[in-house]
Each structure stands twice: as C-alpha cells, then as structure tokens.
Amino acid sequence: MTLVAGRTALIAVDLMPRIVELDLGPHRGADVVARTAELATALRKAGGTVVVVRVERPNVTEQPPGSGFVPEIAPREGDIEVVKRTIGAFYGTGLAERLRDRGVDTVVMAGLATTMGVESTARAAADHGFDVVFAADAMSGMTAAEHEHALTVTLPRFGDVRTTEQVLAQL
C-alpha cells in the first residue's frame, strides 16, 4: 500500500506522561514519543492529518497526574484531538467522521500500548473501512513479548507493519 499524505492520518495513542513513563518493552516510552513526533512533523509538512489521542478515566472527579499529552505530542493547529473514555479512540468520539471529512482513507498507528489502545483503535479503524499501517518502532507493549506477538501474528491481519523509517520514506 502506497501512502498519499493528503489522505493519511497519523493516530498517536495515549502518549501521556503517566503512560510514557511506564516500564515498557521493547521500546522505551521516550523513544516511542521521539519516533511519533518525527512522523507527526513529516506528515504535517506533507499535508496529512495528525490525530492525538489521550484517555480519561470515566466517572472520576479528577484525572490522575500525568494525564495530559507529553509536550512533543501536544496538539498543534490543524490536528485532531481525541479524548477517549474507552480503550480505542473511535467509540463515542466521532473520529471516523472527522477523518472522512478531511478525505482520510489511511491511518498510521503509533503510541502506547501496542496490544491495548493502539490495537483497539486499529481494529476499529479497519471496521470503519480505513487502510491501516503500523509504525512498529513508534509503539511499544507492556512487554517485548506481547509487542512482538502483536507485530508478527495479530496486527498483520489488519494492516501493514512497517518501521518509522519506511513510513517516512513514503511521505
């Protein structure tokens, strides 16, 4: 699948201090943030869409410390900001419609964690008819084993698994 920047959106899932700082594998949260920020910069420059997603716990009066975006992923003018209250970023957020309004037909997935917010969002994206690309080193699991299993067994069933470098080369 060839990426057309104007029809592509990067979806950066849950890059919030309280999640980025967890003991993750195989990639450190800071490395995932750096690669995702690189993808976001390139896609914005090429005329694509950037979606930044964070989670809020439902039915609480106050969110835990570190529930905002890390500075490198904070929404910029023209980005789509999604606040989700479920594991995936599509349910109850209007994200599919917002992407369609911009002519997006392909999403590039990045963020944390591979088998949670990233995978749930990717499954919903596929269900909504979007082509899905996974930036494998711009995401990480809670463990290296679960991340690698997802990349080699589960995620290829929903889309293309690539490196950040491979995605950047197409923008």
Protein backbone atom coordinates (compact mmCIF):
# COMPACT_ATOMS: atom_id res chain seq x y z
CA MET A 1 0.00 0.00 0.00
CA THR A 2 1.33 3.40 -1.00
CA LEU A 3 0.77 6.32 1.34
CA VAL A 4 -0.73 9.52 -0.05
CA ALA A 5 -0.03 12.18 2.57
CA GLY A 6 -3.19 14.20 1.95
CA ARG A 7 -5.31 11.10 2.56
CA THR A 8 -3.29 9.79 5.50
CA ALA A 9 -3.63 10.43 9.23
CA LEU A 10 -1.19 9.55 11.97
CA ILE A 11 -3.05 8.39 15.08
CA ALA A 12 -0.82 8.85 18.15
CA VAL A 13 -2.40 6.92 21.01
CA ASP A 14 -2.02 7.66 24.74
CA LEU A 15 1.33 9.46 24.71
CA MET A 16 0.72 10.86 28.15
CA PRO A 17 3.38 11.20 30.87
CA ARG A 18 1.77 8.62 33.16
CA ILE A 19 1.84 6.02 30.37
CA VAL A 20 5.10 7.02 28.65
CA GLU A 21 6.92 6.66 31.98
CA LEU A 22 5.88 3.00 32.47
CA ASP A 23 8.38 0.15 32.14
CA LEU A 24 7.58 -0.84 28.55
CA GLY A 25 9.08 -3.22 26.04
CA PRO A 26 10.80 -3.49 23.68
CA HIS A 27 10.92 0.30 23.21
CA ARG A 28 11.14 2.90 25.95
CA GLY A 29 8.30 5.39 26.09
CA ALA A 30 10.67 8.27 25.30
CA ASP A 31 11.80 6.50 22.12
CA VAL A 32 8.19 5.93 21.04
CA VAL A 33 7.48 9.63 21.64
CA ALA A 34 10.52 10.71 19.59
CA ARG A 35 9.62 8.49 16.62
CA THR A 36 5.96 9.50 16.76
CA ALA A 37 6.90 13.19 16.87
CA GLU A 38 9.10 12.65 13.80
CA LEU A 39 6.18 11.03 11.96
CA ALA A 40 3.83 13.85 13.02
CA THR A 41 6.22 16.56 11.82
CA ALA A 42 6.73 14.86 8.45
CA LEU A 43 3.04 14.19 7.91
CA ARG A 44 2.02 17.76 8.78
CA LYS A 45 4.68 19.08 6.38
CA ALA A 46 3.42 16.76 3.62
CA GLY A 47 -0.20 17.87 4.06
CA GLY A 48 -1.52 14.96 6.12
CA THR A 49 -3.54 14.86 9.32
CA VAL A 50 -2.29 14.22 12.84
CA VAL A 51 -4.63 12.81 15.47
CA VAL A 52 -3.51 12.95 19.09
CA VAL A 53 -5.40 10.73 21.50
CA ARG A 54 -5.46 10.63 25.27
CA VAL A 55 -7.60 8.69 27.69
CA GLU A 56 -9.63 9.97 30.60
CA ARG A 57 -10.95 7.64 33.24
CA PRO A 58 -14.74 7.78 33.31
CA ASN A 59 -16.75 8.54 36.45
CA VAL A 60 -13.95 10.18 38.41
CA THR A 61 -13.85 13.79 39.56
CA GLU A 62 -10.16 14.24 38.82
CA GLN A 63 -7.80 12.56 36.35
CA PRO A 64 -4.51 11.12 37.67
CA PRO A 65 -1.38 13.27 37.41
CA GLY A 66 0.28 12.96 34.01
CA SER A 67 -2.98 12.65 32.06
CA GLY A 68 -2.21 15.39 29.54
CA PHE A 69 -0.08 14.98 26.42
CA VAL A 70 3.70 14.83 26.54
CA PRO A 71 4.96 18.16 25.12
CA GLU A 72 6.29 16.62 21.90
CA ILE A 73 2.82 15.32 21.02
CA ALA A 74 0.68 18.23 22.21
CA PRO A 75 -1.92 19.10 19.56
CA ARG A 76 -0.91 21.72 17.01
CA GLU A 77 -3.16 23.90 14.88
CA GLY A 78 -4.94 21.69 12.37
CA ASP A 79 -4.56 18.50 14.40
CA ILE A 80 -7.50 16.45 15.64
CA GLU A 81 -7.56 15.96 19.41
CA VAL A 82 -9.46 12.97 20.77
CA VAL A 83 -10.28 12.37 24.41
CA LYS A 84 -11.45 8.79 24.80
CA ARG A 85 -13.01 7.02 27.73
CA THR A 86 -12.60 3.50 26.34
CA ILE A 87 -9.58 1.53 25.15
CA GLY A 88 -9.92 2.55 21.49
CA ALA A 89 -10.11 6.04 20.01
CA PHE A 90 -13.16 5.58 17.75
CA TYR A 91 -16.00 4.63 20.10
CA GLY A 92 -18.10 7.66 21.03
CA THR A 93 -15.60 10.24 19.72
CA GLY A 94 -16.75 10.93 16.15
CA LEU A 95 -13.23 10.20 14.93
CA ALA A 96 -14.28 8.26 11.82
CA GLU A 97 -16.46 11.14 10.63
CA ARG A 98 -13.79 13.74 11.37
CA LEU A 99 -11.25 11.75 9.34
CA ARG A 100 -13.67 11.23 6.45
CA ASP A 101 -14.44 14.97 6.43
CA ARG A 102 -10.74 15.50 5.68
CA GLY A 103 -10.65 12.87 2.95
CA VAL A 104 -8.55 10.43 5.01
CA ASP A 105 -8.63 6.80 3.90
CA THR A 106 -5.42 5.53 5.56
CA VAL A 107 -4.26 5.68 9.16
CA VAL A 108 -0.75 5.17 10.51
CA MET A 109 -0.82 3.84 14.05
CA ALA A 110 1.68 4.81 16.76
CA GLY A 111 1.65 5.07 20.54
CA LEU A 112 1.09 3.02 23.67
CA ALA A 113 0.43 0.28 24.31
CA THR A 114 0.61 -1.96 21.28
CA THR A 115 -1.94 -4.53 22.46
CA MET A 116 -4.23 -2.06 24.18
CA GLY A 117 -5.04 1.41 22.82
CA VAL A 118 -3.12 1.00 19.56
CA GLU A 119 -4.62 -2.37 18.66
CA SER A 120 -8.14 -1.44 19.75
CA THR A 121 -8.04 1.76 17.71
CA ALA A 122 -6.60 -0.09 14.70
CA ARG A 123 -9.30 -2.75 14.79
CA ALA A 124 -11.98 -0.05 14.85
CA ALA A 125 -10.24 1.83 12.03
CA ALA A 126 -10.35 -1.33 9.90
CA ASP A 127 -14.01 -1.84 10.83
CA HIS A 128 -14.69 1.71 9.62
CA GLY A 129 -13.03 0.92 6.28
CA PHE A 130 -9.70 2.70 6.75
CA ASP A 131 -6.48 1.15 5.49
CA VAL A 132 -4.14 0.65 8.44
CA VAL A 133 -0.34 0.91 8.69
CA PHE A 134 1.53 0.18 11.92
CA ALA A 135 4.75 2.09 12.67
CA ALA A 136 6.23 -0.85 14.59
CA ASP A 137 9.01 1.03 16.37
CA ALA A 138 6.79 4.04 17.14
CA MET A 139 4.79 1.85 19.52
CA SER A 140 5.61 -0.46 22.37
CA GLY A 141 3.92 -3.06 24.51
CA MET A 142 3.80 -3.57 28.21
CA THR A 143 6.34 -6.33 27.45
CA ALA A 144 8.59 -7.06 24.48
CA ALA A 145 6.96 -10.49 24.06
CA GLU A 146 3.43 -9.13 23.69
CA HIS A 147 4.64 -6.40 21.32
CA GLU A 148 6.45 -8.89 19.09
CA HIS A 149 3.50 -11.29 19.09
CA ALA A 150 1.19 -8.46 18.04
CA LEU A 151 3.55 -7.37 15.23
CA THR A 152 4.03 -10.86 13.85
CA VAL A 153 0.65 -12.52 14.45
CA THR A 154 -2.24 -10.14 15.14
CA LEU A 155 -1.60 -6.76 13.53
CA PRO A 156 -0.66 -8.03 10.03
CA ARG A 157 -4.26 -9.27 9.79
CA PHE A 158 -5.46 -5.65 9.99
CA GLY A 159 -2.80 -3.78 8.04
CA ASP A 160 0.81 -3.34 7.03
CA VAL A 161 3.57 -3.43 9.65
CA ARG A 162 6.45 -1.08 8.82
CA THR A 163 9.24 0.79 10.55
CA THR A 164 9.12 4.51 11.16
CA GLU A 165 11.86 4.90 8.53
CA GLN A 166 9.74 3.05 5.95
CA VAL A 167 6.71 5.23 6.67
CA LEU A 168 8.81 8.43 6.49
CA ALA A 169 10.24 7.34 3.14
CA GLN A 170 6.73 7.37 1.66
CA LEU A 171 5.70 10.82 2.89
